[in-house]
Protein backbone atom coordinates (compact mmCIF):
# COMPACT_ATOMS: atom_id res chain seq x y z
CA UNK A 1 35.77 -4.45 8.96
CA UNK A 2 38.89 -2.65 10.10
CA UNK A 3 40.94 -0.29 7.99
CA UNK A 4 41.34 3.40 7.23
CA UNK A 5 37.60 3.89 6.64
CA UNK A 6 36.23 1.89 9.58
CA UNK A 7 35.37 4.94 11.69
CA UNK A 8 33.99 7.09 8.90
CA UNK A 9 30.47 8.41 9.06
CA UNK A 10 29.59 9.88 5.70
CA UNK A 11 26.93 12.04 4.11
CA UNK A 12 26.10 12.35 0.44
CA UNK A 13 27.74 15.22 -1.42
CA UNK A 14 25.35 16.07 -4.26
CA UNK A 15 27.40 16.86 -7.34
CA UNK A 16 26.96 16.46 -11.11
CA UNK A 17 28.75 13.08 -10.85
CA UNK A 18 27.30 11.72 -7.58
CA UNK A 19 25.35 8.95 -9.28
CA UNK A 20 28.12 7.81 -11.64
CA UNK A 21 30.20 4.80 -10.65
CA UNK A 22 32.64 5.11 -13.54
CA UNK A 23 34.07 8.61 -13.43
CA UNK A 24 37.63 8.99 -14.61
CA UNK A 25 40.16 11.59 -13.47
CA UNK A 26 41.46 13.48 -16.50
CA UNK A 27 43.67 15.92 -14.61
CA UNK A 28 44.51 17.10 -11.11
CA UNK A 29 46.24 20.45 -10.56
CA UNK A 30 47.45 21.95 -7.29
CA UNK A 31 48.52 25.59 -7.03
CA UNK A 32 48.34 28.23 -4.29
CA UNK A 33 45.91 26.33 -2.00
CA UNK A 34 43.65 25.62 -4.96
CA UNK A 35 43.02 22.08 -6.16
CA UNK A 36 41.35 21.62 -9.55
CA UNK A 37 40.18 18.16 -10.65
CA UNK A 38 38.73 17.43 -14.10
CA UNK A 39 36.68 14.24 -14.43
CA UNK A 40 35.01 12.48 -17.34
CA UNK A 41 32.19 10.01 -17.93
CA UNK A 42 34.39 7.99 -20.30
CA UNK A 43 31.77 5.35 -21.16
CA UNK A 44 29.37 7.93 -22.66
CA UNK A 45 29.77 8.44 -26.44
CA UNK A 46 30.30 12.21 -26.08
CA UNK A 47 32.49 11.74 -22.96
CA UNK A 48 31.07 14.64 -20.89
CA UNK A 49 33.47 16.36 -18.51
CA UNK A 50 33.22 18.38 -15.31
CA UNK A 51 35.64 20.41 -13.21
CA UNK A 52 35.58 20.72 -9.43
CA UNK A 53 37.62 23.50 -7.83
CA UNK A 54 38.57 23.41 -4.17
CA UNK A 55 39.60 26.93 -3.11
CA UNK A 56 41.50 27.26 0.16
CA UNK A 57 42.44 23.60 0.03
CA UNK A 58 44.51 22.84 3.13
CA UNK A 59 45.46 19.27 2.26
CA UNK A 60 44.62 16.46 -0.11
CA UNK A 61 45.64 12.91 -0.76
CA UNK A 62 45.21 10.71 -3.77
CA UNK A 63 45.14 6.95 -3.13
CA UNK A 64 45.20 4.29 -5.85
CA UNK A 65 42.65 1.61 -6.78
CA UNK A 66 43.79 -0.70 -3.98
CA UNK A 67 42.33 1.79 -1.52
CA UNK A 68 39.31 2.29 -3.77
CA UNK A 69 38.45 -1.41 -3.57
CA UNK A 70 38.72 -1.29 0.23
CA UNK A 71 36.58 1.86 0.32
CA UNK A 72 33.77 0.40 -1.83
CA UNK A 73 33.83 -2.79 0.26
CA UNK A 74 33.59 -0.86 3.49
CA UNK A 75 30.83 1.45 2.20
CA UNK A 76 28.80 -1.57 1.07
CA UNK A 77 29.29 -3.51 4.33
CA UNK A 78 28.47 -0.48 6.50
CA UNK A 79 25.40 0.48 4.45
CA UNK A 80 26.81 3.93 3.71
CA UNK A 81 27.33 3.75 -0.05
CA UNK A 82 25.73 6.92 -1.36
CA UNK A 83 27.42 7.71 -4.66
CA UNK A 84 30.88 8.57 -5.90
CA UNK A 85 31.11 11.90 -4.03
CA UNK A 86 30.55 12.32 -0.31
CA UNK A 87 31.65 14.15 2.85
CA UNK A 88 33.28 12.41 5.83
CA UNK A 89 31.68 13.72 9.03
CA UNK A 90 34.18 12.46 11.64
CA UNK A 91 37.50 12.46 9.83
CA UNK A 92 40.54 11.46 11.83
CA UNK A 93 42.67 12.44 8.81
CA UNK A 94 41.88 16.14 9.19
CA UNK A 95 41.31 16.18 12.96
CA UNK A 96 44.48 18.16 13.73
CA UNK A 97 43.86 20.58 10.86
CA UNK A 98 40.28 21.21 12.04
CA UNK A 99 41.59 22.33 15.42
CA UNK A 100 43.28 25.25 13.63
CA UNK A 101 40.36 26.18 11.35
CA UNK A 102 37.00 24.74 10.25
CA UNK A 103 37.44 22.23 7.42
CA UNK A 104 35.35 19.61 5.67
CA UNK A 105 36.64 16.29 4.36
CA UNK A 106 35.42 15.75 0.78
CA UNK A 107 35.87 12.48 -1.13
CA UNK A 108 35.79 11.91 -4.89
CA UNK A 109 35.92 8.17 -5.67
CA UNK A 110 36.83 7.50 -9.32
CA UNK A 111 37.77 4.48 -11.42
CA UNK A 112 41.42 4.66 -10.40
CA UNK A 113 41.67 6.88 -7.35
CA UNK A 114 40.23 7.96 -4.03
CA UNK A 115 40.81 11.73 -3.86
CA UNK A 116 40.33 13.17 -0.38
CA UNK A 117 40.36 16.93 0.15
CA UNK A 118 40.39 19.02 3.34
CA UNK A 119 38.88 22.37 2.41
CA UNK A 120 37.37 25.30 4.30
CA UNK A 121 35.04 26.42 1.48
CA UNK A 122 32.40 24.55 -0.51
CA UNK A 123 33.91 23.24 -3.78
CA UNK A 124 32.56 24.65 -7.04
CA UNK A 125 31.48 22.36 -9.91
CA UNK A 126 31.27 23.41 -13.54
CA UNK A 127 30.43 21.57 -16.74
CA UNK A 128 33.19 21.49 -19.37
CA UNK A 129 33.00 20.83 -23.09
CA UNK A 130 32.64 17.11 -23.81
CA UNK A 131 35.83 15.33 -24.85
CA UNK A 132 34.15 13.93 -27.97
CA UNK A 133 34.85 10.69 -29.79
CA UNK A 134 38.67 10.87 -29.81
CA UNK A 135 40.47 8.59 -27.33
CA UNK A 136 41.49 10.33 -24.12
CA UNK A 137 45.25 10.84 -24.12
CA UNK A 138 45.44 12.35 -20.66
CA UNK A 139 43.41 9.78 -18.72
CA UNK A 140 45.27 7.68 -16.17
CA UNK A 141 44.39 4.32 -17.69
CA UNK A 142 42.25 2.40 -20.16
CA UNK A 143 39.16 0.60 -18.86
CA UNK A 144 37.34 -2.30 -20.48
CA UNK A 145 34.14 -3.77 -19.06
CA UNK A 146 33.33 -7.49 -19.15
CA UNK A 147 30.08 -7.94 -21.05
CA UNK A 148 30.35 -4.52 -22.69
CA UNK A 149 33.79 -4.44 -24.33
CA UNK A 150 34.31 -8.00 -25.56
CA UNK A 151 36.06 -6.94 -28.79
CA UNK A 152 38.36 -4.57 -26.89
CA UNK A 153 39.22 -7.22 -24.30
CA UNK A 154 39.97 -9.81 -27.00
CA UNK A 155 42.12 -7.27 -28.84
CA UNK A 156 44.06 -6.51 -25.69
CA UNK A 157 44.64 -10.22 -25.04
CA UNK A 158 45.90 -10.65 -28.63
CA UNK A 159 48.16 -7.61 -28.22
CA UNK A 160 49.59 -9.02 -24.99
CA UNK A 161 50.21 -12.40 -26.61
CA UNK A 162 52.07 -10.80 -29.53
CA UNK A 163 54.26 -8.94 -27.05
CA UNK A 164 55.42 -12.10 -25.28
CA UNK A 165 57.15 -15.23 -26.49
CA UNK A 166 55.27 -18.51 -26.14
CA UNK A 167 57.62 -19.60 -23.33
CA UNK A 168 56.57 -16.49 -21.36
CA UNK A 169 52.92 -17.54 -21.63
CA UNK A 170 53.40 -21.22 -20.65
């Protein structure tokens, strides 16, 4: 399989969210070479949250779910799927930056995004207060799971139908 990931060799990055396949980005902040990303396990009733801080972040990119689908497909086909957080060992993306200083290429794959970070120091993870039962207002999108959220899916379909005339649906 060709594509942006075809030459990646990855290793597992053990983090508090490594084994989750449904983490959601709550916020991403970039200031003074410091990238701070808050994530949430939105399917859990208490909605636990974590923060990862990349100090001395030299570069990052945030790709949408189109790239995420390609990434999961490539990881599965290459036998390298090892969780939602990992390190790219032979990154062409940061090759030029590495020539100037030693950097590692970290990846955080979430429900909506592939966040790649070039950083010279090991990121720091911390546990935040859970979000609780209230709906997340700052999350990027709403996710419903077939087989788990039947009522929510049916409600969304009804809402969409009410928002369109019958001629729009035919």
